[in-house]
Amino acid sequence: MSLFRLFVVSILLAGIGLSARPARAASVTWGLPTWENREGTNLRLDLLNRQDCLNDATATFAVSVVGASSSAVLELWAGTNCDTLANRTGSGAAKTCTQLTDSVSAYNIVGSLPVKVRFQNMVKPFDASGEGSAATCDLEKSSGLVTRTLYFVVYDSGSTESQATGTKQWTFKYDVKAPAPPTKISAGSGEQSLVPHFTPPSGETNLLRYRFYCSEVGSPPAGGDDPGTAGTSTGGTTGTDVDAAAGADSGDAAGSGGTTTTSTGTAGTAGTTTTPTDPNCTSTVLVPGKAPATGAIDCGEVGAQGSSSGETRPVLENGTTYVVAIAAEDTAYNVGVLSALACGTPQDVTGFYEAYREAGGQAGGGYCSFGPPRRGAWGALSALLVAACALLRRRR
């Protein structure tokens, strides 16, 4: 075989060998995130809410990459199936992921690399570009808890071919919409408490509880439920009546009389009046549609499941009229704005035993040791109880 033919065969074999070489595989490992700019204690790492979004909460992951080529890059994405290129680069409904970080070289990572991810980017719509902001927190269209997965993507920057497959991903949930308040609020009386009744908000899929806020009746704050001020009616200025001068004695015709001009002003526009359900049920600290202000009494709560009423804690004073409003809270710990106001007056509630004793009953020492009350209907009731006990003893 000539040297030329040997050279051509060698080139062909080398080409076949190169094309058959498997793609380089890289492995990616990472640790659970540490969060900054979150409020509260005992917060779950994988459950975030609206306040986290507004606070620009930021997670830091320690990421390690081993076996990547010199042209490999690392990116973090959030969404669905983000390890598939088409889901990252598509448009419209074909794009199911949003990019969280810029590309960094995966080849030069020594040990672990701290990678910061902003929650405002994690909740961006998939077709949004640029960095997330506080305004991003209002763009979520889904209701209730939303689930997304964070992907650690390593691929060749030239061929876009993935170099890490089967990497463990991180799933998180969020709800950046505070729930609407309940409606049709009313309040009954309890002992040192109120008993609110309400209609649950519709369309809320992950309610946790209803929170009750109380205050004494008082004048509403500026911009609250107080009526608007009527507009001022200002009329125009009346015109002056001017007559023409009379003609001269030379026989000229008398001058024509002047025209009286009257201008009537337009009445002012009345101010807007907001009338609460009960005009006497107002508060200085509880304003419907707003968060409870400092000074409101956090007077209790009731679980949301199946609830349309509840009772406040016994922290109120009997005989004093109070205002109560209700805010809904969801499982991501978003607390919504206050409902309309309702008023009620806690009253002393006399129980059966208290009423019995007040009526003269002498019970004590066991369930069948009743003494006869002194008078009235309670005497008849006591006699029935004594007879029942005697019958029970006879049967023993």
Protein backbone atom coordinates (compact mmCIF):
# COMPACT_ATOMS: atom_id res chain seq x y z
CA MET A 1 0.00 0.00 0.00
CA SER A 2 1.38 3.38 -0.95
CA LEU A 3 2.17 5.93 1.68
CA PHE A 4 -0.62 8.21 0.39
CA ARG A 5 -3.27 5.49 0.75
CA LEU A 6 -1.98 4.65 4.21
CA PHE A 7 -2.26 8.31 5.18
CA VAL A 8 -5.89 8.54 3.92
CA VAL A 9 -6.91 5.37 5.78
CA SER A 10 -5.34 6.70 8.98
CA ILE A 11 -7.30 9.96 8.70
CA LEU A 12 -10.55 8.03 8.12
CA LEU A 13 -9.98 5.76 11.10
CA ALA A 14 -9.17 8.74 13.29
CA GLY A 15 -12.40 10.43 12.19
CA ILE A 16 -14.41 7.31 12.99
CA GLY A 17 -12.76 7.11 16.39
CA LEU A 18 -13.54 10.74 17.19
CA SER A 19 -17.17 10.49 16.17
CA ALA A 20 -17.65 7.38 18.27
CA ARG A 21 -16.15 8.94 21.40
CA PRO A 22 -18.88 9.41 24.04
CA ALA A 23 -19.75 12.90 25.23
CA ARG A 24 -17.91 13.97 28.31
CA ALA A 25 -19.95 13.40 31.49
CA ALA A 26 -19.84 15.74 34.46
CA SER A 27 -21.32 15.26 37.91
CA VAL A 28 -22.98 18.04 39.88
CA THR A 29 -23.55 18.09 43.63
CA TRP A 30 -25.00 20.86 45.80
CA GLY A 31 -26.12 21.59 49.36
CA LEU A 32 -29.43 22.94 50.65
CA PRO A 33 -29.72 26.73 50.41
CA THR A 34 -29.11 29.29 53.10
CA TRP A 35 -31.51 32.25 52.91
CA GLU A 36 -31.07 35.97 53.48
CA ASN A 37 -33.77 38.67 53.81
CA ARG A 38 -36.50 36.46 55.22
CA GLU A 39 -38.65 37.32 58.25
CA GLY A 40 -39.82 35.06 61.06
CA THR A 41 -38.51 31.90 62.69
CA ASN A 42 -38.74 28.20 61.86
CA LEU A 43 -39.14 29.04 58.18
CA ARG A 44 -39.16 26.18 55.70
CA LEU A 45 -36.33 26.30 53.17
CA ASP A 46 -38.63 25.26 50.31
CA LEU A 47 -41.78 27.33 51.07
CA LEU A 48 -41.78 31.06 50.34
CA ASN A 49 -44.41 33.80 50.42
CA ARG A 50 -45.16 37.31 49.26
CA GLN A 51 -43.14 39.02 51.98
CA ASP A 52 -40.09 36.97 50.97
CA CYS A 53 -40.58 38.25 47.43
CA LEU A 54 -40.97 41.89 48.47
CA ASN A 55 -37.93 41.59 50.76
CA ASP A 56 -35.81 40.30 47.84
CA ALA A 57 -34.96 37.07 49.66
CA THR A 58 -31.79 35.46 48.31
CA ALA A 59 -30.64 31.83 48.51
CA THR A 60 -27.03 30.67 48.37
CA PHE A 61 -26.21 27.16 47.10
CA ALA A 62 -22.79 25.52 47.44
CA VAL A 63 -22.34 23.82 44.05
CA SER A 64 -19.58 21.38 43.00
CA VAL A 65 -18.94 20.22 39.43
CA VAL A 66 -16.49 17.41 38.58
CA GLY A 67 -15.49 16.16 35.13
CA ALA A 68 -16.69 19.10 33.01
CA SER A 69 -14.83 20.04 29.84
CA SER A 70 -12.97 23.29 29.44
CA SER A 71 -15.87 24.71 27.40
CA ALA A 72 -18.58 23.71 29.89
CA VAL A 73 -20.68 26.29 31.70
CA LEU A 74 -22.96 26.14 34.74
CA GLU A 75 -26.37 27.87 34.89
CA LEU A 76 -29.31 27.67 37.30
CA TRP A 77 -32.85 27.60 35.91
CA ALA A 78 -36.30 27.25 37.47
CA GLY A 79 -39.41 25.73 35.95
CA THR A 80 -40.26 22.34 34.43
CA ASN A 81 -37.83 20.00 32.58
CA CYS A 82 -35.16 22.69 32.37
CA ASP A 83 -32.47 20.10 31.63
CA THR A 84 -33.91 20.01 28.10
CA LEU A 85 -32.55 22.79 25.87
CA ALA A 86 -35.86 23.42 24.06
CA ASN A 87 -37.61 24.24 27.34
CA ARG A 88 -34.99 26.87 28.11
CA THR A 89 -34.78 28.50 24.70
CA GLY A 90 -38.32 28.14 23.31
CA SER A 91 -40.89 30.92 23.04
CA GLY A 92 -44.45 31.24 24.27
CA ALA A 93 -45.90 28.06 25.73
CA ALA A 94 -42.84 26.10 24.53
CA LYS A 95 -40.69 27.83 27.14
CA THR A 96 -41.18 26.31 30.58
CA CYS A 97 -38.16 27.72 32.41
CA THR A 98 -36.70 31.01 33.57
CA GLN A 99 -32.97 31.68 33.93
CA LEU A 100 -31.75 32.48 37.44
CA THR A 101 -27.99 33.04 37.01
CA ASP A 102 -25.53 34.05 34.35
CA SER A 103 -23.21 31.42 32.87
CA VAL A 104 -20.06 30.60 34.84
CA SER A 105 -17.27 28.26 33.82
CA ALA A 106 -17.90 24.77 35.17
CA TYR A 107 -14.36 23.63 34.33
CA ASN A 108 -12.52 25.89 36.75
CA ILE A 109 -14.63 25.19 39.85
CA VAL A 110 -12.37 24.11 42.67
CA GLY A 111 -14.15 22.55 45.62
CA SER A 112 -17.58 24.20 45.84
CA LEU A 113 -18.80 27.44 44.30
CA PRO A 114 -21.30 29.64 46.22
CA VAL A 115 -24.10 30.49 43.78
CA LYS A 116 -26.64 33.16 44.78
CA VAL A 117 -30.21 33.02 43.51
CA ARG A 118 -32.80 35.78 44.01
CA PHE A 119 -36.34 34.68 44.80
CA GLN A 120 -37.70 37.46 42.57
CA ASN A 121 -36.01 35.67 39.66
CA MET A 122 -37.31 32.29 40.79
CA VAL A 123 -40.94 33.45 40.39
CA LYS A 124 -40.57 35.38 37.12
CA PRO A 125 -42.90 34.46 34.25
CA PHE A 126 -41.08 32.16 31.83
CA ASP A 127 -41.23 34.70 29.01
CA ALA A 128 -39.95 37.60 31.13
CA SER A 129 -36.49 39.00 30.47
CA GLY A 130 -34.10 40.88 32.72
CA GLU A 131 -33.83 40.82 36.47
CA GLY A 132 -36.82 40.31 38.74
CA SER A 133 -38.00 43.17 40.94
CA ALA A 134 -40.66 43.92 43.56
CA ALA A 135 -43.11 44.36 40.67
CA THR A 136 -42.47 40.72 39.73
CA CYS A 137 -44.30 39.69 42.91
CA ASP A 138 -47.57 40.90 41.33
CA LEU A 139 -47.20 39.00 38.04
CA GLU A 140 -48.08 35.49 39.24
CA LYS A 141 -51.36 34.37 37.62
CA SER A 142 -51.88 31.08 39.47
CA SER A 143 -53.83 30.86 42.73
CA GLY A 144 -52.65 28.95 45.77
CA LEU A 145 -49.34 27.17 46.09
CA VAL A 146 -47.21 27.02 42.94
CA THR A 147 -44.51 24.35 42.52
CA ARG A 148 -41.33 24.87 40.52
CA THR A 149 -38.06 22.94 40.30
CA LEU A 150 -34.59 24.48 40.34
CA TYR A 151 -32.17 22.86 37.85
CA PHE A 152 -28.35 22.87 37.97
CA VAL A 153 -27.54 22.77 34.25
CA VAL A 154 -24.03 22.04 32.86
CA TYR A 155 -23.60 22.12 29.09
CA ASP A 156 -21.00 22.73 26.39
CA SER A 157 -21.04 26.41 25.49
CA GLY A 158 -20.20 25.60 21.85
CA SER A 159 -22.45 22.65 21.06
CA THR A 160 -25.05 23.31 23.84
CA GLU A 161 -24.85 19.59 24.54
CA SER A 162 -25.58 18.68 28.15
CA GLN A 163 -22.62 17.35 30.09
CA ALA A 164 -24.46 16.42 33.28
CA THR A 165 -27.52 14.20 33.22
CA GLY A 166 -29.39 12.65 36.11
CA THR A 167 -28.46 15.50 38.43
CA LYS A 168 -30.58 15.75 41.57
CA GLN A 169 -32.73 18.88 41.39
CA TRP A 170 -34.39 21.03 44.11
CA THR A 171 -38.18 21.55 44.25
CA PHE A 172 -39.72 24.53 46.02
CA LYS A 173 -43.22 25.98 46.52
CA TYR A 174 -44.39 29.54 46.79
CA ASP A 175 -47.51 31.69 47.07
CA VAL A 176 -47.04 35.41 46.44
CA LYS A 177 -50.76 36.32 46.62
CA ALA A 178 -52.27 37.13 50.00
CA PRO A 179 -55.79 35.71 50.39
CA ALA A 180 -58.92 37.85 50.14
CA PRO A 181 -60.81 38.54 53.37
CA PRO A 182 -64.11 36.88 54.26
CA THR A 183 -67.37 38.76 53.67
CA LYS A 184 -70.77 39.26 55.35
CA ILE A 185 -69.26 39.87 58.78
CA SER A 186 -71.42 39.96 61.91
CA ALA A 187 -70.62 39.59 65.60
CA GLY A 188 -72.48 37.93 68.46
CA SER A 189 -71.73 38.28 72.17
CA GLY A 190 -69.69 35.96 74.36
CA GLU A 191 -68.36 36.34 77.87
CA GLN A 192 -65.42 38.74 77.56
CA SER A 193 -65.42 37.82 73.87
CA LEU A 194 -67.16 38.28 70.53
CA VAL A 195 -68.47 35.54 68.25
CA PRO A 196 -67.78 36.59 64.62
CA HIS A 197 -69.79 35.01 61.78
CA PHE A 198 -68.65 35.31 58.17
CA THR A 199 -68.71 33.91 54.65
CA PRO A 200 -65.36 32.40 53.56
CA PRO A 201 -63.66 33.95 50.51
CA SER A 202 -64.14 32.07 47.26
CA GLY A 203 -61.33 30.76 45.06
CA GLU A 204 -58.77 30.37 47.88
CA THR A 205 -57.33 26.86 47.73
CA ASN A 206 -54.81 26.84 50.58
CA LEU A 207 -56.32 28.76 53.49
CA LEU A 208 -54.82 28.01 56.90
CA ARG A 209 -56.85 30.12 59.35
CA TYR A 210 -58.82 33.30 59.99
CA ARG A 211 -57.29 35.88 62.31
CA PHE A 212 -59.52 38.14 64.45
CA TYR A 213 -58.57 41.74 65.27
CA CYS A 214 -60.47 43.85 67.78
CA SER A 215 -60.56 47.44 68.98
CA GLU A 216 -62.90 49.66 70.92
CA VAL A 217 -65.31 51.75 68.89
CA GLY A 218 -63.79 55.07 67.83
CA SER A 219 -63.66 57.63 65.06
CA PRO A 220 -62.00 56.25 61.91
CA PRO A 221 -58.62 57.60 60.83
CA ALA A 222 -58.27 60.05 57.97
CA GLY A 223 -59.00 58.28 54.72
CA GLY A 224 -60.93 55.57 56.52
CA ASP A 225 -64.68 55.06 56.63
CA ASP A 226 -65.58 58.67 57.43
CA PRO A 227 -67.86 60.44 54.93
CA GLY A 228 -66.28 62.67 52.32
CA THR A 229 -66.76 66.42 52.51
CA ALA A 230 -69.38 67.87 50.22
CA GLY A 231 -68.13 70.07 47.42
CA THR A 232 -68.68 73.83 47.60
CA SER A 233 -71.21 75.42 45.28
CA THR A 234 -69.85 78.69 43.97
CA GLY A 235 -72.09 80.72 41.67
CA GLY A 236 -70.86 83.12 38.99
CA THR A 237 -70.94 86.89 39.45
CA THR A 238 -74.13 88.65 38.38
CA GLY A 239 -73.60 90.95 35.39
CA THR A 240 -74.08 94.76 35.62
CA ASP A 241 -77.22 96.36 34.18
CA VAL A 242 -76.01 99.23 31.98
CA ASP A 243 -78.50 101.45 30.07
CA ALA A 244 -77.49 103.53 27.03
CA ALA A 245 -77.63 107.31 27.41
CA ALA A 246 -80.78 109.12 26.19
CA GLY A 247 -80.65 110.85 22.78
CA ALA A 248 -80.05 114.68 22.52
CA ASP A 249 -82.86 117.30 22.24
CA SER A 250 -82.10 117.75 18.60
CA GLY A 251 -84.66 115.13 17.83
CA ASP A 252 -82.38 112.22 17.78
CA ALA A 253 -84.08 109.02 18.74
CA ALA A 254 -83.79 108.03 22.34
CA GLY A 255 -81.00 105.56 22.99
CA SER A 256 -81.96 101.95 23.41
CA GLY A 257 -81.91 100.54 26.90
CA GLY A 258 -78.87 98.45 27.89
CA THR A 259 -79.13 94.67 28.26
CA THR A 260 -78.98 93.13 31.72
CA THR A 261 -76.50 90.25 31.84
CA THR A 262 -76.76 87.67 34.56
CA SER A 263 -74.24 84.82 34.91
CA THR A 264 -75.17 81.86 37.10
CA GLY A 265 -72.28 79.83 38.55
CA THR A 266 -72.15 76.02 38.36
CA ALA A 267 -72.75 74.19 41.61
CA GLY A 268 -69.69 72.46 43.12
CA THR A 269 -69.35 68.67 42.95
CA ALA A 270 -70.29 66.82 46.11
CA GLY A 271 -67.52 64.88 47.83
CA THR A 272 -67.54 61.09 47.74
CA THR A 273 -69.17 59.48 50.77
CA THR A 274 -68.15 56.01 51.97
CA THR A 275 -70.79 54.68 54.32
CA PRO A 276 -69.94 51.63 56.45
CA THR A 277 -72.56 48.93 57.04
CA ASP A 278 -73.18 50.39 60.49
CA PRO A 279 -72.22 54.08 60.58
CA ASN A 280 -71.62 53.79 64.32
CA CYS A 281 -69.30 50.80 63.93
CA THR A 282 -65.98 52.53 63.29
CA SER A 283 -62.44 52.13 64.56
CA THR A 284 -59.32 54.23 64.84
CA VAL A 285 -57.03 51.27 64.01
CA LEU A 286 -59.09 48.81 61.94
CA VAL A 287 -59.69 49.92 58.36
CA PRO A 288 -61.30 47.53 55.84
CA GLY A 289 -58.95 46.67 52.99
CA LYS A 290 -55.86 47.60 55.01
CA ALA A 291 -53.50 45.72 57.30
CA PRO A 292 -54.27 46.08 61.03
CA ALA A 293 -52.51 49.12 62.45
CA THR A 294 -50.51 49.31 65.67
CA GLY A 295 -52.93 49.30 68.57
CA ALA A 296 -55.27 46.63 67.21
CA ILE A 297 -55.94 43.73 69.58
CA ASP A 298 -54.88 40.39 68.11
CA CYS A 299 -57.91 38.75 69.68
CA GLY A 300 -57.86 35.19 68.38
CA GLU A 301 -58.10 32.89 65.39
CA VAL A 302 -59.95 29.87 64.05
CA GLY A 303 -58.82 27.16 61.63
CA ALA A 304 -60.03 27.73 58.08
CA GLN A 305 -61.20 24.20 57.32
CA GLY A 306 -65.00 24.30 57.26
CA SER A 307 -65.23 27.46 59.38
CA SER A 308 -67.79 30.23 59.02
CA SER A 309 -67.66 31.45 62.62
CA GLY A 310 -65.42 31.45 65.67
CA GLU A 311 -64.90 33.11 69.02
CA THR A 312 -62.28 35.60 70.08
CA ARG A 313 -60.15 35.02 73.13
CA PRO A 314 -61.71 36.21 76.42
CA VAL A 315 -59.60 39.36 76.53
CA LEU A 316 -62.40 41.91 76.12
CA GLU A 317 -64.41 43.74 78.78
CA ASN A 318 -68.05 42.87 79.31
CA GLY A 319 -70.41 45.75 78.65
CA THR A 320 -68.01 47.57 76.29
CA THR A 321 -68.74 47.70 72.57
CA TYR A 322 -65.91 46.47 70.35
CA VAL A 323 -65.16 46.39 66.64
CA VAL A 324 -63.96 43.14 65.08
CA ALA A 325 -62.44 42.56 61.62
CA ILE A 326 -61.10 39.37 60.06
CA ALA A 327 -58.06 38.64 57.88
CA ALA A 328 -57.42 35.32 56.12
CA GLU A 329 -54.04 33.57 56.26
CA ASP A 330 -52.84 30.90 53.84
CA THR A 331 -50.47 27.96 54.22
CA ALA A 332 -47.53 30.07 53.01
CA TYR A 333 -48.26 32.45 55.93
CA ASN A 334 -49.50 35.31 53.79
CA VAL A 335 -51.94 37.39 55.86
CA GLY A 336 -54.46 39.31 53.78
CA VAL A 337 -56.11 42.65 54.39
CA LEU A 338 -58.97 43.24 56.83
CA SER A 339 -62.60 42.50 56.10
CA ALA A 340 -65.49 44.87 56.69
CA LEU A 341 -66.14 45.75 60.33
CA ALA A 342 -68.72 44.34 62.71
CA CYS A 343 -69.54 45.44 66.26
CA GLY A 344 -70.68 43.60 69.34
CA THR A 345 -70.73 43.90 73.11
CA PRO A 346 -69.37 41.10 75.31
CA GLN A 347 -71.87 40.07 77.99
CA ASP A 348 -71.78 38.02 81.16
CA VAL A 349 -73.01 34.57 80.12
CA THR A 350 -74.51 32.61 83.01
CA GLY A 351 -73.96 28.88 82.67
CA PHE A 352 -76.30 26.12 83.89
CA TYR A 353 -74.48 25.54 87.18
CA GLU A 354 -74.10 29.26 87.88
CA ALA A 355 -77.80 29.84 87.22
CA TYR A 356 -78.69 26.84 89.40
CA ARG A 357 -76.64 28.14 92.32
CA GLU A 358 -78.01 31.65 91.87
CA ALA A 359 -81.52 30.18 92.02
CA GLY A 360 -80.76 28.61 95.41
CA GLY A 361 -79.57 25.10 94.46
CA GLN A 362 -77.40 23.41 97.13
CA ALA A 363 -75.76 20.67 95.01
CA GLY A 364 -72.37 19.37 96.05
CA GLY A 365 -70.44 16.20 96.88
CA GLY A 366 -71.37 14.13 93.82
CA TYR A 367 -73.60 14.02 90.82
CA CYS A 368 -76.65 12.88 92.82
CA SER A 369 -76.22 14.95 95.98
CA PHE A 370 -78.46 17.86 95.01
CA GLY A 371 -80.21 19.86 97.72
CA PRO A 372 -83.60 21.40 96.99
CA PRO A 373 -83.50 24.98 95.76
CA ARG A 374 -85.52 27.50 97.59
CA ARG A 375 -88.06 28.63 95.06
CA GLY A 376 -89.52 28.71 91.59
CA ALA A 377 -88.78 26.61 88.53
CA TRP A 378 -85.40 25.61 89.87
CA GLY A 379 -87.20 23.76 92.67
CA ALA A 380 -89.08 21.65 90.15
CA LEU A 381 -85.90 20.95 88.19
CA SER A 382 -84.10 19.90 91.37
CA ALA A 383 -86.96 17.56 92.30
CA LEU A 384 -86.69 15.87 88.92
CA LEU A 385 -82.93 15.43 89.37
CA VAL A 386 -83.40 13.94 92.86
CA ALA A 387 -86.04 11.53 91.55
CA ALA A 388 -83.74 10.44 88.72
CA CYS A 389 -80.93 9.76 91.16
CA ALA A 390 -83.23 7.74 93.42
CA LEU A 391 -84.31 5.62 90.46
CA LEU A 392 -80.70 4.98 89.50
CA ARG A 393 -79.81 3.89 93.06
CA ARG A 394 -82.84 1.56 93.22
CA ARG A 395 -81.67 -0.22 90.06
CA ARG A 396 -78.21 -0.88 91.41
